[in-house]
Structures are given as structure tokens and as C-alpha cells.
N, C-alpha and C. Protein backbone atom coordinates (compact mmCIF):
# COMPACT_ATOMS: atom_id res chain seq x y z
N MET A 1 -18.96 -10.47 -99.11
CA MET A 1 -20.04 -11.01 -98.65
C MET A 1 -20.86 -9.89 -97.50
N ALA A 2 -22.61 -10.16 -97.76
CA ALA A 2 -22.86 -9.14 -96.72
C ALA A 2 -23.23 -10.07 -95.63
N THR A 3 -23.58 -9.19 -94.62
CA THR A 3 -23.97 -9.83 -93.10
C THR A 3 -25.46 -10.31 -93.74
N ALA A 4 -25.60 -10.89 -92.16
CA ALA A 4 -27.04 -11.10 -91.94
C ALA A 4 -28.23 -10.23 -92.18
N VAL A 5 -27.93 -8.81 -92.10
CA VAL A 5 -28.72 -7.76 -91.87
C VAL A 5 -28.59 -7.15 -93.53
N GLY A 6 -27.68 -7.39 -94.15
CA GLY A 6 -27.86 -6.73 -95.35
C GLY A 6 -26.36 -5.85 -95.75
N PHE A 7 -25.76 -5.94 -94.71
CA PHE A 7 -24.93 -4.73 -94.89
C PHE A 7 -23.21 -5.47 -94.84
N ILE A 8 -22.48 -4.83 -95.80
CA ILE A 8 -21.50 -5.43 -95.57
C ILE A 8 -20.18 -4.99 -94.53
N PRO A 9 -19.66 -5.92 -94.11
CA PRO A 9 -18.71 -6.09 -92.59
C PRO A 9 -17.60 -4.87 -92.78
N TYR A 10 -17.74 -3.72 -91.71
CA TYR A 10 -16.32 -3.01 -92.22
C TYR A 10 -15.22 -3.18 -92.30
N ALA A 11 -14.61 -4.50 -91.95
CA ALA A 11 -13.02 -4.79 -92.19
C ALA A 11 -12.86 -5.27 -93.67
N THR A 12 -14.16 -5.90 -94.15
CA THR A 12 -14.41 -5.95 -95.88
C THR A 12 -14.40 -4.22 -96.65
N ILE A 13 -15.28 -3.54 -96.04
CA ILE A 13 -15.02 -2.55 -96.48
C ILE A 13 -13.92 -1.72 -96.32
N GLN A 14 -13.19 -1.85 -95.47
CA GLN A 14 -11.84 -1.19 -95.42
C GLN A 14 -10.89 -1.90 -96.89
N GLU A 15 -11.18 -3.13 -96.77
CA GLU A 15 -10.50 -4.17 -97.62
C GLU A 15 -10.85 -3.60 -99.32
N GLU A 16 -11.73 -3.53 -99.41
CA GLU A 16 -12.39 -2.78 -100.49
C GLU A 16 -11.87 -1.58 -100.75
N PHE A 17 -11.51 -0.60 -100.33
CA PHE A 17 -11.30 0.43 -100.68
C PHE A 17 -9.76 0.49 -100.71
N SER A 18 -8.90 -0.26 -100.17
CA SER A 18 -7.94 -0.82 -100.36
C SER A 18 -7.02 -1.41 -101.44
N GLN A 19 -7.86 -2.45 -101.76
CA GLN A 19 -7.33 -3.27 -102.93
C GLN A 19 -8.24 -2.90 -104.45
N HIS A 20 -9.09 -1.87 -104.46
CA HIS A 20 -10.48 -1.64 -105.47
C HIS A 20 -9.35 -1.28 -107.00
N ALA A 21 -9.65 -1.73 -107.59
CA ALA A 21 -8.53 -1.33 -108.80
C ALA A 21 -8.57 0.27 -109.14
N LEU A 22 -9.83 0.96 -108.71
CA LEU A 22 -10.03 2.15 -108.76
C LEU A 22 -8.91 3.20 -108.28
N ARG A 23 -8.72 2.75 -107.09
CA ARG A 23 -7.37 3.20 -105.86
C ARG A 23 -6.09 3.07 -106.94
N SER A 24 -5.91 1.69 -107.38
CA SER A 24 -4.18 1.93 -108.19
C SER A 24 -4.48 2.66 -109.31
N ALA A 25 -5.70 2.66 -110.14
CA ALA A 25 -5.78 3.57 -111.11
C ALA A 25 -5.69 5.06 -111.45
N GLU A 26 -6.71 5.46 -110.05
CA GLU A 26 -6.63 6.69 -109.77
C GLU A 26 -6.25 7.42 -108.64
N VAL A 27 -6.15 6.99 -107.91
CA VAL A 27 -5.32 7.57 -106.45
C VAL A 27 -3.52 7.39 -106.45
N PRO A 28 -2.77 8.51 -106.44
CA PRO A 28 -1.76 8.49 -106.65
C PRO A 28 -1.28 7.87 -105.57
N VAL A 29 0.10 7.22 -105.42
CA VAL A 29 0.18 6.17 -103.86
C VAL A 29 0.80 6.75 -102.58
N GLU A 30 1.01 8.27 -103.17
CA GLU A 30 1.35 9.02 -101.90
C GLU A 30 0.53 9.91 -101.43
N HIS A 31 -0.98 9.56 -101.87
CA HIS A 31 -1.78 10.19 -101.28
C HIS A 31 -2.61 9.44 -99.96
N TYR A 32 -3.16 9.97 -98.98
CA TYR A 32 -3.61 9.61 -97.86
C TYR A 32 -5.54 9.31 -98.20
N VAL A 33 -5.57 8.19 -97.64
CA VAL A 33 -6.88 7.56 -97.94
C VAL A 33 -7.32 7.52 -96.43
N SER A 34 -8.49 8.39 -96.34
CA SER A 34 -9.00 8.59 -95.07
C SER A 34 -10.02 7.10 -94.35
N ALA A 35 -10.22 6.76 -93.27
CA ALA A 35 -10.93 5.97 -92.82
C ALA A 35 -12.31 5.83 -93.50
N PRO A 36 -12.76 4.79 -93.71
CA PRO A 36 -14.31 5.05 -94.51
C PRO A 36 -15.09 5.36 -93.25
N LEU A 37 -16.27 6.23 -93.49
CA LEU A 37 -17.34 6.12 -92.63
C LEU A 37 -18.52 5.89 -93.55
N PRO A 38 -19.99 5.78 -92.74
CA PRO A 38 -21.02 5.67 -93.22
C PRO A 38 -21.99 6.97 -93.54
N THR A 39 -22.88 6.61 -94.61
CA THR A 39 -23.22 7.71 -94.85
C THR A 39 -24.56 7.21 -95.35
N LEU A 40 -25.54 7.96 -95.69
CA LEU A 40 -26.69 8.08 -96.51
C LEU A 40 -26.98 9.26 -97.69
N ARG A 41 -25.66 9.76 -97.91
CA ARG A 41 -26.02 10.99 -98.71
C ARG A 41 -26.38 11.09 -99.77
N TRP A 42 -26.14 9.61 -100.34
CA TRP A 42 -26.30 9.73 -102.06
C TRP A 42 -27.42 9.01 -101.83
N GLY A 43 -28.29 8.74 -101.31
CA GLY A 43 -29.77 8.30 -100.99
C GLY A 43 -29.75 6.63 -100.78
N THR A 44 -28.56 6.04 -100.68
CA THR A 44 -28.54 4.58 -100.51
C THR A 44 -27.49 4.32 -99.20
N PRO A 45 -27.05 3.18 -98.82
CA PRO A 45 -25.92 3.07 -97.62
C PRO A 45 -24.76 2.76 -98.54
N ALA A 46 -23.65 3.72 -97.88
CA ALA A 46 -22.64 3.65 -98.36
C ALA A 46 -21.44 4.24 -97.47
N TYR A 47 -20.76 3.53 -97.73
CA TYR A 47 -19.20 4.20 -96.91
C TYR A 47 -18.30 5.36 -97.65
N ALA A 48 -17.86 6.37 -97.39
CA ALA A 48 -17.30 7.50 -98.10
C ALA A 48 -15.80 7.62 -97.33
N VAL A 49 -14.75 7.68 -98.23
CA VAL A 49 -13.20 8.45 -97.67
C VAL A 49 -13.13 9.45 -98.51
N PHE A 50 -12.49 10.42 -97.89
CA PHE A 50 -11.89 11.83 -98.67
C PHE A 50 -9.88 11.22 -98.79
N ILE A 51 -9.62 11.70 -99.65
CA ILE A 51 -8.10 11.30 -100.41
C ILE A 51 -7.54 12.84 -100.55
N CYS A 52 -6.04 12.63 -99.85
CA CYS A 52 -5.44 14.14 -100.04
C CYS A 52 -3.77 13.64 -100.19
N PRO A 53 -3.33 14.51 -100.90
CA PRO A 53 -1.90 14.52 -101.03
C PRO A 53 -1.13 14.35 -99.44
N ALA A 54 -0.61 13.43 -99.65
CA ALA A 54 0.63 13.49 -98.09
C ALA A 54 1.86 13.58 -98.39
N ALA A 55 2.82 14.49 -97.28
CA ALA A 55 3.74 14.12 -97.40
C ALA A 55 4.22 13.42 -96.26
N ARG A 56 5.35 12.52 -96.22
CA ARG A 56 5.71 11.99 -95.12
C ARG A 56 7.23 11.62 -95.54
N VAL A 57 7.86 12.40 -94.35
CA VAL A 57 9.16 12.33 -94.01
C VAL A 57 9.56 11.35 -92.73
N ARG A 58 10.82 10.56 -93.07
CA ARG A 58 10.77 9.65 -92.03
C ARG A 58 11.21 10.66 -90.90
N GLY A 59 10.85 10.42 -89.42
CA GLY A 59 10.97 10.87 -88.25
C GLY A 59 9.77 11.74 -88.19
N MET A 60 9.05 12.46 -89.09
CA MET A 60 8.51 13.49 -89.21
C MET A 60 6.95 13.24 -89.33
N PRO A 61 5.88 13.91 -88.39
CA PRO A 61 4.51 13.57 -88.91
C PRO A 61 4.12 13.73 -90.15
N PRO A 62 3.23 13.08 -90.60
CA PRO A 62 2.67 13.10 -92.13
C PRO A 62 2.03 14.41 -91.78
N ARG A 63 2.14 15.50 -93.17
CA ARG A 63 1.56 16.62 -93.56
C ARG A 63 0.82 16.29 -94.56
N LEU A 64 -1.02 16.33 -94.39
CA LEU A 64 -1.56 16.61 -95.45
C LEU A 64 -2.35 17.92 -96.00
N ASP A 65 -2.27 17.90 -97.07
CA ASP A 65 -2.84 18.87 -97.98
C ASP A 65 -4.66 18.48 -97.75
N ALA A 66 -5.47 19.65 -98.28
CA ALA A 66 -6.64 19.73 -98.22
C ALA A 66 -7.18 18.44 -99.03
N PRO A 67 -8.28 17.74 -98.88
CA PRO A 67 -8.31 16.56 -99.61
C PRO A 67 -8.71 16.88 -101.32
N ASP A 68 -8.29 16.15 -102.16
CA ASP A 68 -8.70 16.85 -103.74
C ASP A 68 -9.21 15.57 -104.15
N ARG A 69 -10.01 14.78 -103.56
CA ARG A 69 -11.09 14.01 -104.01
C ARG A 69 -11.46 13.02 -103.21
N TRP A 70 -13.15 12.48 -103.24
CA TRP A 70 -13.32 11.73 -102.64
C TRP A 70 -13.99 10.39 -103.23
N TRP A 71 -14.88 9.24 -102.50
CA TRP A 71 -14.88 8.02 -103.11
C TRP A 71 -16.07 7.59 -102.41
N ALA A 72 -17.05 6.62 -102.69
CA ALA A 72 -18.14 6.13 -101.91
C ALA A 72 -18.45 5.04 -102.56
N ILE A 73 -18.67 3.98 -101.32
CA ILE A 73 -18.84 2.48 -101.96
C ILE A 73 -19.95 2.16 -101.14
N SER A 74 -20.84 1.49 -101.97
CA SER A 74 -22.12 1.06 -101.68
C SER A 74 -21.49 -0.17 -100.19
N ALA A 75 -22.54 -0.05 -99.01
CA ALA A 75 -22.28 -0.64 -98.29
C ALA A 75 -23.27 -2.03 -98.45
N GLU A 76 -23.96 -2.24 -99.20
CA GLU A 76 -24.53 -3.40 -99.64
C GLU A 76 -23.92 -4.37 -100.89
N SER A 77 -23.42 -3.24 -101.59
CA SER A 77 -22.83 -4.38 -102.61
C SER A 77 -21.35 -4.42 -103.06
N ARG A 78 -20.35 -3.34 -102.55
CA ARG A 78 -19.10 -3.26 -102.50
C ARG A 78 -18.93 -2.26 -103.93
N ARG A 79 -19.76 -1.74 -104.46
CA ARG A 79 -19.70 -1.34 -106.05
C ARG A 79 -19.43 0.18 -105.62
N SER A 80 -19.07 0.68 -106.27
CA SER A 80 -18.79 2.07 -106.12
C SER A 80 -19.72 3.10 -106.63
N LEU A 81 -20.02 4.20 -105.82
CA LEU A 81 -21.00 4.82 -106.17
C LEU A 81 -20.91 6.02 -106.86
N VAL A 82 -19.65 6.76 -106.26
CA VAL A 82 -18.77 7.94 -106.69
C VAL A 82 -17.54 7.93 -106.55
N TYR A 83 -16.67 8.81 -107.53
CA TYR A 83 -15.23 8.90 -107.07
C TYR A 83 -15.60 10.34 -107.77
N ALA A 84 -15.05 11.39 -107.16
CA ALA A 84 -14.54 12.67 -107.76
C ALA A 84 -13.42 13.26 -107.15
N LEU A 85 -13.41 14.12 -108.23
CA LEU A 85 -12.15 15.15 -107.50
C LEU A 85 -13.04 16.21 -107.16
N THR A 86 -12.06 16.83 -106.31
CA THR A 86 -12.80 17.89 -105.52
C THR A 86 -12.59 19.33 -106.01
N LYS A 87 -12.08 19.52 -107.18
CA LYS A 87 -12.31 20.37 -107.93
C LYS A 87 -13.26 20.68 -108.97
N ALA A 88 -13.61 18.99 -109.53
CA ALA A 88 -14.81 19.13 -110.17
C ALA A 88 -16.32 19.13 -109.37
N VAL A 89 -16.16 17.86 -108.36
CA VAL A 89 -17.35 18.26 -107.35
C VAL A 89 -16.81 18.13 -106.14
N PRO A 90 -16.98 19.37 -105.68
CA PRO A 90 -16.91 19.26 -104.16
C PRO A 90 -17.77 18.26 -103.30
N TYR A 91 -17.36 18.18 -102.35
CA TYR A 91 -17.97 17.38 -101.20
C TYR A 91 -18.76 18.20 -100.13
N THR A 92 -18.08 19.72 -100.53
CA THR A 92 -19.07 20.28 -99.68
C THR A 92 -18.81 21.70 -99.94
N PRO A 93 -19.71 22.95 -99.69
CA PRO A 93 -19.80 24.13 -100.15
C PRO A 93 -18.61 24.98 -99.30
N GLU A 94 -18.25 24.64 -98.33
CA GLU A 94 -17.39 25.10 -97.85
C GLU A 94 -15.91 24.78 -98.12
N PRO A 95 -14.69 25.69 -98.28
CA PRO A 95 -13.89 25.37 -98.46
C PRO A 95 -13.02 24.39 -97.52
N LEU A 96 -12.40 23.34 -98.21
CA LEU A 96 -11.50 22.45 -97.19
C LEU A 96 -10.26 23.31 -97.07
N THR A 97 -10.16 23.35 -95.74
CA THR A 97 -8.49 24.12 -95.57
C THR A 97 -7.34 23.08 -95.15
N GLY A 98 -6.19 23.39 -95.92
CA GLY A 98 -5.08 22.43 -95.65
C GLY A 98 -4.13 23.51 -95.71
N PRO A 99 -2.69 23.22 -95.55
CA PRO A 99 -2.32 21.82 -95.23
C PRO A 99 -2.39 21.53 -93.20
N VAL A 100 -2.62 20.35 -93.31
CA VAL A 100 -2.46 20.03 -91.64
C VAL A 100 -1.30 18.93 -91.42
N VAL A 101 -0.87 18.82 -90.06
CA VAL A 101 0.26 17.89 -89.49
C VAL A 101 -0.49 17.25 -88.32
N LEU A 102 -0.10 15.86 -89.16
CA LEU A 102 -0.86 14.88 -87.77
C LEU A 102 0.46 14.95 -87.01
N SER A 103 -0.63 14.75 -85.36
CA SER A 103 -0.26 14.74 -84.25
C SER A 103 0.46 13.44 -83.79
N PRO A 104 1.82 13.18 -83.53
CA PRO A 104 1.60 11.77 -83.13
C PRO A 104 1.01 11.55 -81.87
N THR A 105 0.44 10.28 -81.75
CA THR A 105 -0.31 9.66 -80.70
C THR A 105 0.24 9.19 -79.72
N GLY A 106 1.77 8.63 -79.63
CA GLY A 106 2.21 8.35 -78.98
C GLY A 106 1.91 6.79 -78.31
N ARG A 107 0.68 6.11 -78.86
CA ARG A 107 0.43 5.00 -78.81
C ARG A 107 1.22 3.91 -79.25
N SER A 108 1.42 2.88 -79.22
CA SER A 108 2.14 1.78 -79.82
C SER A 108 1.31 1.16 -80.93
N LEU A 109 1.83 0.64 -81.78
CA LEU A 109 1.31 -0.10 -83.00
C LEU A 109 0.16 -0.75 -82.65
N ALA A 110 0.37 -1.50 -81.83
CA ALA A 110 -0.52 -2.72 -81.30
C ALA A 110 -1.89 -2.04 -80.71
N ALA A 111 -1.35 -0.91 -79.53
CA ALA A 111 -2.54 -0.14 -79.39
C ALA A 111 -3.37 0.41 -80.49
N LEU A 112 -2.82 1.17 -81.48
CA LEU A 112 -3.67 1.55 -82.53
C LEU A 112 -4.29 0.37 -82.89
N LYS A 113 -3.77 -0.64 -83.52
CA LYS A 113 -4.65 -1.62 -83.92
C LYS A 113 -5.82 -2.04 -83.14
N GLU A 114 -5.71 -2.15 -82.27
CA GLU A 114 -6.69 -2.53 -81.42
C GLU A 114 -7.89 -1.41 -81.11
N ASP A 115 -7.45 -0.32 -81.27
CA ASP A 115 -8.59 0.76 -81.54
C ASP A 115 -9.28 0.49 -82.92
N ALA A 116 -8.51 0.39 -83.54
CA ALA A 116 -9.13 0.03 -85.10
C ALA A 116 -10.29 -1.23 -85.46
N ARG A 117 -9.73 -2.09 -84.47
CA ARG A 117 -10.55 -3.12 -84.38
C ARG A 117 -12.02 -2.83 -83.56
N VAL A 118 -11.91 -2.20 -82.68
CA VAL A 118 -12.95 -2.12 -81.95
C VAL A 118 -14.01 -1.26 -82.21
N LEU A 119 -13.04 -0.26 -83.34
CA LEU A 119 -13.98 0.68 -84.00
C LEU A 119 -14.40 0.04 -84.97
N GLY A 120 -14.28 -1.14 -85.76
CA GLY A 120 -14.89 -1.83 -86.73
C GLY A 120 -15.93 -2.36 -85.96
N GLU A 121 -16.01 -3.37 -85.13
CA GLU A 121 -16.89 -4.00 -84.08
C GLU A 121 -18.26 -3.00 -83.60
N LEU A 122 -17.76 -1.30 -83.22
CA LEU A 122 -18.97 -0.76 -83.22
C LEU A 122 -19.77 -0.12 -84.17
N LEU A 123 -18.81 -0.16 -85.37
CA LEU A 123 -19.72 0.16 -86.62
C LEU A 123 -20.65 -0.91 -86.92
N ASP A 124 -19.77 -2.09 -87.12
CA ASP A 124 -20.93 -3.19 -87.55
C ASP A 124 -22.00 -3.28 -86.83
N GLU A 125 -21.72 -2.95 -85.61
CA GLU A 125 -22.99 -3.02 -84.27
C GLU A 125 -23.86 -2.12 -84.65
N ALA A 126 -23.71 -0.91 -84.94
CA ALA A 126 -24.42 0.43 -85.19
C ALA A 126 -25.11 0.88 -86.21
N VAL A 127 -24.32 0.66 -86.99
CA VAL A 127 -24.50 1.07 -88.72
C VAL A 127 -25.62 0.68 -89.27
N PRO A 128 -26.06 -0.85 -89.26
CA PRO A 128 -27.46 -1.37 -89.15
C PRO A 128 -28.62 -0.42 -89.23
N GLY A 129 -28.30 -0.15 -88.01
CA GLY A 129 -29.64 1.11 -87.27
C GLY A 129 -29.53 2.38 -88.04
N PHE A 130 -28.35 2.75 -88.05
CA PHE A 130 -28.17 4.32 -88.81
C PHE A 130 -28.91 4.01 -90.36
N PHE A 131 -28.20 3.00 -90.93
CA PHE A 131 -28.76 2.96 -92.57
C PHE A 131 -30.12 2.94 -92.32
N ARG A 132 -30.87 2.21 -91.67
CA ARG A 132 -32.47 1.74 -91.97
C ARG A 132 -33.17 3.22 -90.93
N GLY A 133 -32.36 3.75 -90.27
CA GLY A 133 -32.92 5.17 -89.91
C GLY A 133 -33.52 4.81 -88.45
N GLU A 134 -33.32 3.19 -87.75
CA GLU A 134 -34.11 2.96 -86.75
C GLU A 134 -32.92 3.65 -85.14
N ALA A 135 -33.81 3.47 -84.19
CA ALA A 135 -33.13 3.55 -83.09
C ALA A 135 -32.13 2.76 -82.46
N VAL A 136 -31.10 3.63 -82.12
CA VAL A 136 -29.95 2.81 -81.50
C VAL A 136 -30.05 3.32 -80.49
N ALA A 137 -29.34 2.49 -79.43
CA ALA A 137 -29.20 2.93 -77.75
C ALA A 137 -28.17 4.25 -78.04
N ALA A 138 -28.39 5.08 -77.07
CA ALA A 138 -27.61 6.14 -76.80
C ALA A 138 -26.15 5.98 -76.74
N GLU A 139 -26.50 4.91 -75.81
CA GLU A 139 -24.61 4.33 -75.38
C GLU A 139 -23.55 3.72 -76.24
N LEU A 140 -24.63 2.99 -77.16
CA LEU A 140 -23.89 2.48 -77.94
C LEU A 140 -23.68 3.90 -78.96
N ARG A 141 -24.27 5.13 -79.45
CA ARG A 141 -23.68 5.74 -80.19
C ARG A 141 -22.54 6.53 -79.59
N GLU A 142 -22.60 7.05 -78.18
CA GLU A 142 -21.53 7.75 -77.63
C GLU A 142 -20.44 6.80 -77.42
N ASP A 143 -20.65 5.16 -77.63
CA ASP A 143 -19.03 4.48 -77.43
C ASP A 143 -18.46 4.93 -79.17
N LEU A 144 -19.28 4.51 -80.04
CA LEU A 144 -18.93 4.83 -81.27
C LEU A 144 -18.33 6.11 -81.51
N ALA A 145 -18.95 7.36 -81.21
CA ALA A 145 -18.31 8.22 -81.17
C ALA A 145 -17.15 8.74 -80.26
N ALA A 146 -16.96 8.14 -79.30
CA ALA A 146 -15.59 8.07 -78.32
C ALA A 146 -14.93 7.14 -79.39
N GLN A 147 -14.91 6.43 -80.01
CA GLN A 147 -13.92 5.41 -80.69
C GLN A 147 -13.77 6.24 -81.94
N LEU A 148 -14.36 7.03 -82.78
CA LEU A 148 -14.11 7.69 -83.57
C LEU A 148 -13.00 8.53 -82.94
N ARG A 149 -13.53 9.26 -82.42
CA ARG A 149 -12.51 10.55 -81.72
C ARG A 149 -10.98 9.87 -81.56
N ALA A 150 -10.90 8.45 -80.59
CA ALA A 150 -9.64 7.91 -80.80
C ALA A 150 -9.05 7.69 -81.83
N VAL A 151 -9.69 7.02 -82.57
CA VAL A 151 -9.08 6.31 -83.97
C VAL A 151 -8.76 7.53 -85.18
N LEU A 152 -9.67 8.60 -85.14
CA LEU A 152 -9.48 9.53 -86.44
C LEU A 152 -8.74 10.59 -85.82
N PRO A 153 -7.53 11.07 -86.94
CA PRO A 153 -6.78 12.31 -86.24
C PRO A 153 -7.88 13.63 -86.17
N GLY A 154 -7.72 14.19 -84.93
CA GLY A 154 -8.35 15.67 -84.76
C GLY A 154 -8.37 16.47 -85.73
N GLU A 155 -7.02 16.51 -86.42
CA GLU A 155 -6.79 17.33 -87.19
C GLU A 155 -7.61 17.39 -88.64
N VAL A 156 -8.02 16.41 -88.83
CA VAL A 156 -8.93 15.83 -90.13
C VAL A 156 -10.42 15.96 -89.91
N TRP A 157 -10.87 15.87 -88.33
CA TRP A 157 -11.93 15.90 -88.13
C TRP A 157 -13.27 16.57 -88.93
N PRO A 158 -12.81 17.80 -89.35
CA PRO A 158 -13.65 18.85 -90.04
C PRO A 158 -13.57 17.82 -91.59
N TRP A 159 -12.59 17.36 -91.80
CA TRP A 159 -12.91 16.89 -93.26
C TRP A 159 -14.05 15.65 -93.32
N HIS A 160 -13.88 15.14 -92.34
CA HIS A 160 -14.58 13.73 -92.11
C HIS A 160 -16.29 14.07 -91.66
N ARG A 161 -16.38 15.59 -91.31
CA ARG A 161 -17.76 15.89 -90.95
C ARG A 161 -18.15 16.34 -92.34
N ALA A 162 -17.46 17.32 -93.21
CA ALA A 162 -17.83 17.85 -94.09
C ALA A 162 -18.54 16.75 -94.86
N LEU A 163 -17.63 15.57 -95.15
CA LEU A 163 -17.88 14.42 -96.18
C LEU A 163 -19.32 13.72 -95.37
N THR A 164 -19.33 13.12 -94.22
CA THR A 164 -20.66 12.72 -93.73
C THR A 164 -21.70 13.06 -92.66
N PRO A 165 -21.69 14.41 -93.05
CA PRO A 165 -22.50 15.13 -91.92
C PRO A 165 -23.89 14.09 -91.29
N ASP A 166 -24.35 13.44 -92.14
CA ASP A 166 -25.55 12.64 -91.30
C ASP A 166 -25.00 12.00 -90.44
N LEU A 167 -23.79 11.13 -90.47
CA LEU A 167 -23.32 10.05 -89.49
C LEU A 167 -22.85 10.97 -88.26
N PHE A 168 -22.56 12.18 -88.39
CA PHE A 168 -21.89 13.08 -87.26
C PHE A 168 -23.48 13.57 -86.31
N ALA A 169 -24.66 14.01 -87.22
CA ALA A 169 -25.56 14.42 -86.63
C ALA A 169 -26.04 13.53 -85.87
N TRP A 170 -25.89 11.99 -87.04
CA TRP A 170 -26.77 11.03 -85.92
C TRP A 170 -26.15 10.41 -84.39
N LEU A 171 -25.13 10.72 -84.69
CA LEU A 171 -23.91 10.29 -83.03
C LEU A 171 -24.45 11.50 -82.43
N GLU A 172 -24.45 12.48 -82.61
CA GLU A 172 -25.40 13.57 -81.88
C GLU A 172 -26.42 13.54 -81.30
N GLY A 173 -27.13 12.54 -81.60
CA GLY A 173 -28.30 12.45 -81.44
C GLY A 173 -29.44 13.06 -82.32
N ALA A 174 -29.04 13.70 -83.39
CA ALA A 174 -30.30 14.39 -84.59
C ALA A 174 -30.75 13.19 -85.41
N ASP A 175 -32.25 13.23 -85.68
CA ASP A 175 -32.87 12.20 -86.80
C ASP A 175 -32.01 12.53 -87.80
N HIS A 176 -31.82 11.67 -88.47
CA HIS A 176 -31.00 11.67 -90.29
C HIS A 176 -32.42 11.28 -91.26
N ALA A 177 -33.14 10.45 -90.67
CA ALA A 177 -34.08 9.60 -91.59
C ALA A 177 -35.47 10.77 -92.43
């Protein structure tokens, strides 16, 4: 269901990536799927994720290899726009380096869930302006950037920036329209 402004709420986008048939058909179960981030890279409002092999050992932080695939879903219709293996269609001209080991956050599960909830609210508030190329208050962009830093693992920040460079340029005050 689209919001009154025509874009799918962030929680629904997250659910779409989680439950989409493409995920069960193409994404190995042991792979890590990043948080969806908004982008206009394909000429239309979308959310994109990178996907990478992950090694999880109980009691140890996850180890992620460089992304081996990526995927974008329309922010207006929930339809898949693109799904590609990075060896066939890289999402950046620069090589993606890995592996990385995610640092433990030291935060409770309740605190992490609250951070994710706040991120969703900030995205729902800020992203329509981003998608339309409209001015959004600097304070809202700063709050969103801070929440992204709180929620996204720092070790994979470069992979997010490479996948959604327009979002990060916009958060830093550059015009993307």
C-alpha cells in the first residue's frame, strides 16, 4: 500500500525484500542482505540492497565477504527493478573489498530494534522530498544521516555509499536532482 504521497512506507519495503519470491529463489539463505536504502540511480524512486556471503559462528561477530549481488525494488509499486550478480553487472566501477568482520554493537536487542524503528520513521519523513528533488530541512537530513550511522554497520558503510551515492550526496547537502 502506498502512502498518501505515493511512496511505499519503509516497513513495507523491508518486508518486501524479506518475503519476495526472488529472495527465496536467488539469494542463498546464508547471505547477508543489507538494509534497503533509497536511490534514484535507475531514474525512478527505488530502494536498493547489496547482498553478500556471510559466515556466522555462534559467539563470534559475522564475517561478510564483498557483495556478490544487488537488488532494487520500486518505491512506488514494490516491483523489482533490477537484480544482478556483481560479476555480471557491478554496481560500482571500483572493486568492492572484503571480507569484513562486523564489530559487536554492545547494545541490547530492544535498543537495536528501537534504532531501526526510528530510522524507518525518519526515512518515511525525509525520503518523499529526496525522491521528488524537493528541499528537505537540513536538520531532518542530519538526523537521518546520524541514524544511518547508528544503524548501519560501519564496516559496510563504503558498500552502501557505492550502491546509493545519490542518497549520501543528498544527506551531505549536494543537489541530486
